Amino acid sequence: MKTIIILSGADRVGKSTIAGQLESDDCRVVHHGPPPSDRPMFDDLRDDIRDWYGSDQSLMIWDRAYVCSYALNQPNCLGAILDFEMEFEHLDIAHVGVEREWKVVARRHIAEISQENPNWDRRSIREDYQERMETHQLYYDRLHYFYDHVTMFPVYWAQSAKELAQGELLVPHRHGKIQIH
């Protein structure tokens, strides 16, 4: 049976690290960025599913996907999300949220801001940092709402990549549970 895992979480919390640890011959990892502006946001995801479904791989992990779009642009994509989930409700799909407190990722953001903007003064760095801090909190408020009230797929939380590396996260499967490691 084929399974899709959708990793979601704010910037710098370890989604790509988790995905990288799980990538294998049997596990395809697809990294998604912001939704395209020139076509419907779900076209790429449908293409991913069609391409993967014809492969021998049993697991596909989306590192970011439509959940992130919902969390960052909630009112504009809910109908499309519901349509997409209903279209693929027959597949084994599970959400895995990756959540870390701001204090855990804050220094990564400062480093990134400083690296991307080497000529910025302290005030500019602080303003960008504060915006990211507020976005981080808003993201998780909306992500929790999405998981609790919108999606029809099961939801699991991974606090760190270590859980997955040690095989501690179990994802539901229609024929029992599969262990991700």
Protein backbone atom coordinates (compact mmCIF):
# COMPACT_ATOMS: atom_id res chain seq x y z
CA MET A 1 0.00 0.00 0.00
CA LYS A 2 1.26 3.45 -0.85
CA THR A 3 1.36 6.23 1.74
CA ILE A 4 1.85 10.00 1.50
CA ILE A 5 3.17 11.94 4.48
CA ILE A 6 2.77 15.70 4.44
CA LEU A 7 5.34 17.44 6.64
CA SER A 8 4.29 20.89 7.78
CA GLY A 9 5.82 23.43 10.09
CA ALA A 10 7.18 26.95 10.24
CA ASP A 11 10.53 27.93 8.76
CA ARG A 12 13.71 26.47 10.30
CA VAL A 13 12.01 23.77 12.43
CA GLY A 14 13.54 20.72 10.75
CA LYS A 15 11.10 19.57 8.06
CA SER A 16 13.80 19.13 5.42
CA THR A 17 16.06 17.39 7.94
CA ILE A 18 13.31 14.90 8.73
CA ALA A 19 12.54 14.37 5.04
CA GLY A 20 16.22 13.87 4.25
CA GLN A 21 16.56 11.24 6.96
CA LEU A 22 13.64 9.28 5.54
CA GLU A 23 14.58 9.49 1.86
CA SER A 24 15.46 6.08 0.43
CA ASP A 25 14.91 3.88 -2.60
CA ASP A 26 11.41 3.18 -1.29
CA CYS A 27 10.67 6.75 -0.15
CA ARG A 28 10.39 9.70 -2.52
CA VAL A 29 10.82 13.14 -0.98
CA VAL A 30 9.40 16.17 -2.77
CA HIS A 31 10.21 19.66 -1.49
CA HIS A 32 7.51 22.22 -2.22
CA GLY A 33 7.97 25.96 -2.13
CA PRO A 34 5.32 28.66 -2.36
CA PRO A 35 2.36 27.79 -4.58
CA PRO A 36 2.81 28.74 -8.24
CA SER A 37 1.23 31.98 -9.33
CA ASP A 38 0.64 30.93 -12.94
CA ARG A 39 -1.54 27.83 -12.34
CA PRO A 40 -3.74 26.24 -9.67
CA MET A 41 -1.78 25.38 -6.55
CA PHE A 42 -2.73 21.71 -6.64
CA ASP A 43 -1.60 20.92 -10.19
CA ASP A 44 1.96 20.17 -9.05
CA LEU A 45 0.69 17.96 -6.22
CA ARG A 46 -1.54 16.01 -8.59
CA ASP A 47 1.45 15.54 -10.91
CA ASP A 48 3.52 14.31 -7.95
CA ILE A 49 0.86 11.74 -7.08
CA ARG A 50 0.47 10.49 -10.67
CA ASP A 51 4.24 10.17 -11.16
CA TRP A 52 4.82 8.48 -7.79
CA TYR A 53 1.81 6.18 -8.06
CA GLY A 54 3.33 4.63 -11.18
CA SER A 55 6.62 3.96 -9.36
CA ASP A 56 7.73 1.09 -7.13
CA GLN A 57 8.09 3.41 -4.14
CA SER A 58 5.63 2.84 -1.31
CA LEU A 59 6.13 6.15 0.51
CA MET A 60 6.16 9.78 -0.64
CA ILE A 61 6.93 12.65 1.69
CA TRP A 62 5.97 16.19 0.86
CA ASP A 63 8.24 18.68 2.57
CA ARG A 64 5.73 21.50 2.75
CA ALA A 65 2.59 21.46 0.68
CA TYR A 66 -0.88 22.94 0.74
CA VAL A 67 -1.05 23.01 4.55
CA CYS A 68 1.61 25.71 4.61
CA SER A 69 -0.38 27.72 2.09
CA TYR A 70 -3.42 27.42 4.33
CA ALA A 71 -1.47 28.50 7.40
CA LEU A 72 0.01 31.52 5.64
CA ASN A 73 -2.94 32.50 3.40
CA GLN A 74 -5.91 30.90 5.13
CA PRO A 75 -9.01 32.51 3.63
CA ASN A 76 -8.03 32.22 -0.01
CA CYS A 77 -7.46 28.50 -0.41
CA LEU A 78 -9.84 26.60 1.88
CA GLY A 79 -12.22 25.53 -0.90
CA ALA A 80 -9.36 24.25 -3.05
CA ILE A 81 -7.92 22.34 -0.08
CA LEU A 82 -11.26 20.67 0.66
CA ASP A 83 -11.66 19.73 -3.01
CA PHE A 84 -8.15 18.27 -3.11
CA GLU A 85 -8.58 16.22 0.04
CA MET A 86 -11.93 14.86 -1.15
CA GLU A 87 -10.38 13.96 -4.52
CA PHE A 88 -7.66 11.90 -2.85
CA GLU A 89 -9.46 10.66 0.27
CA HIS A 90 -9.06 7.08 -0.97
CA LEU A 91 -5.26 7.29 -0.55
CA ASP A 92 -3.34 6.70 2.68
CA ILE A 93 -2.33 10.25 3.53
CA ALA A 94 -1.15 11.46 6.93
CA HIS A 95 -0.07 14.85 8.17
CA VAL A 96 3.02 15.15 10.33
CA GLY A 97 3.41 18.50 12.03
CA VAL A 98 6.87 19.63 13.05
CA GLU A 99 6.65 22.20 15.80
CA ARG A 100 9.36 23.90 17.76
CA GLU A 101 9.14 26.82 20.12
CA TRP A 102 10.38 30.11 18.76
CA LYS A 103 13.31 30.16 21.19
CA VAL A 104 14.62 26.95 19.58
CA VAL A 105 14.72 28.41 16.06
CA ALA A 106 15.25 32.11 16.81
CA ARG A 107 19.03 32.08 16.39
CA ARG A 108 18.72 30.32 13.05
CA HIS A 109 16.52 33.17 11.88
CA ILE A 110 18.95 35.81 13.07
CA ALA A 111 21.79 34.03 11.29
CA GLU A 112 19.76 33.77 8.10
CA ILE A 113 18.70 37.42 8.21
CA SER A 114 22.29 38.55 8.80
CA GLN A 115 23.64 36.32 6.03
CA GLU A 116 21.04 37.43 3.49
CA ASN A 117 21.39 41.12 4.43
CA PRO A 118 25.02 41.75 5.45
CA ASN A 119 24.66 45.54 5.24
CA TRP A 120 21.60 45.82 7.45
CA ASP A 121 21.84 47.71 10.71
CA ARG A 122 20.65 46.25 14.01
CA ARG A 123 17.22 47.92 13.77
CA SER A 124 16.50 46.42 10.33
CA ILE A 125 17.56 42.98 11.54
CA ARG A 126 15.36 43.36 14.62
CA GLU A 127 12.33 44.39 12.53
CA ASP A 128 12.72 41.38 10.22
CA TYR A 129 13.31 39.14 13.24
CA GLN A 130 10.17 40.44 14.94
CA GLU A 131 8.11 39.88 11.79
CA ARG A 132 9.37 36.30 11.58
CA MET A 133 8.62 35.76 15.26
CA GLU A 134 5.03 36.93 14.79
CA THR A 135 4.64 34.86 11.62
CA HIS A 136 5.93 31.78 13.47
CA GLN A 137 3.22 32.11 16.13
CA LEU A 138 0.48 32.86 13.60
CA TYR A 139 1.59 29.88 11.51
CA TYR A 140 1.16 27.47 14.41
CA ASP A 141 -2.17 28.97 15.48
CA ARG A 142 -3.48 28.33 11.98
CA LEU A 143 -1.76 24.96 11.62
CA HIS A 144 -3.40 23.69 14.80
CA TYR A 145 -6.75 24.96 13.57
CA PHE A 146 -6.23 23.21 10.24
CA TYR A 147 -5.32 19.93 11.89
CA ASP A 148 -8.18 20.13 14.40
CA HIS A 149 -10.97 21.46 12.19
CA VAL A 150 -10.21 21.19 8.48
CA THR A 151 -8.29 18.15 7.29
CA MET A 152 -9.87 14.74 6.96
CA PHE A 153 -6.51 12.97 7.18
CA PRO A 154 -4.89 11.75 10.42
CA VAL A 155 -2.42 14.04 12.14
CA TYR A 156 0.74 13.27 14.08
CA TRP A 157 3.34 15.56 15.62
CA ALA A 158 7.11 15.16 15.49
CA GLN A 159 8.96 17.43 17.89
CA SER A 160 12.31 16.61 16.32
CA ALA A 161 14.00 14.70 13.57
CA LYS A 162 15.46 12.48 16.29
CA GLU A 163 12.05 10.83 16.80
CA LEU A 164 12.01 9.76 13.20
CA ALA A 165 15.65 8.77 13.11
CA GLN A 166 14.99 6.46 16.03
CA GLY A 167 11.83 5.09 14.42
CA GLU A 168 9.61 6.42 17.19
CA LEU A 169 6.94 7.93 14.97
CA LEU A 170 4.27 5.57 13.74
CA VAL A 171 2.09 6.66 10.86
CA PRO A 172 -1.31 4.99 10.40
CA HIS A 173 -1.78 2.66 7.52
CA ARG A 174 -5.04 1.05 6.43
CA HIS A 175 -3.49 -2.38 6.94
CA GLY A 176 -2.04 -1.79 10.39
CA LYS A 177 0.71 0.72 11.07
CA ILE A 178 3.91 1.31 9.24
CA GLN A 179 6.96 2.40 11.14
CA ILE A 180 8.95 5.23 9.64
CA HIS A 181 12.70 4.90 10.13
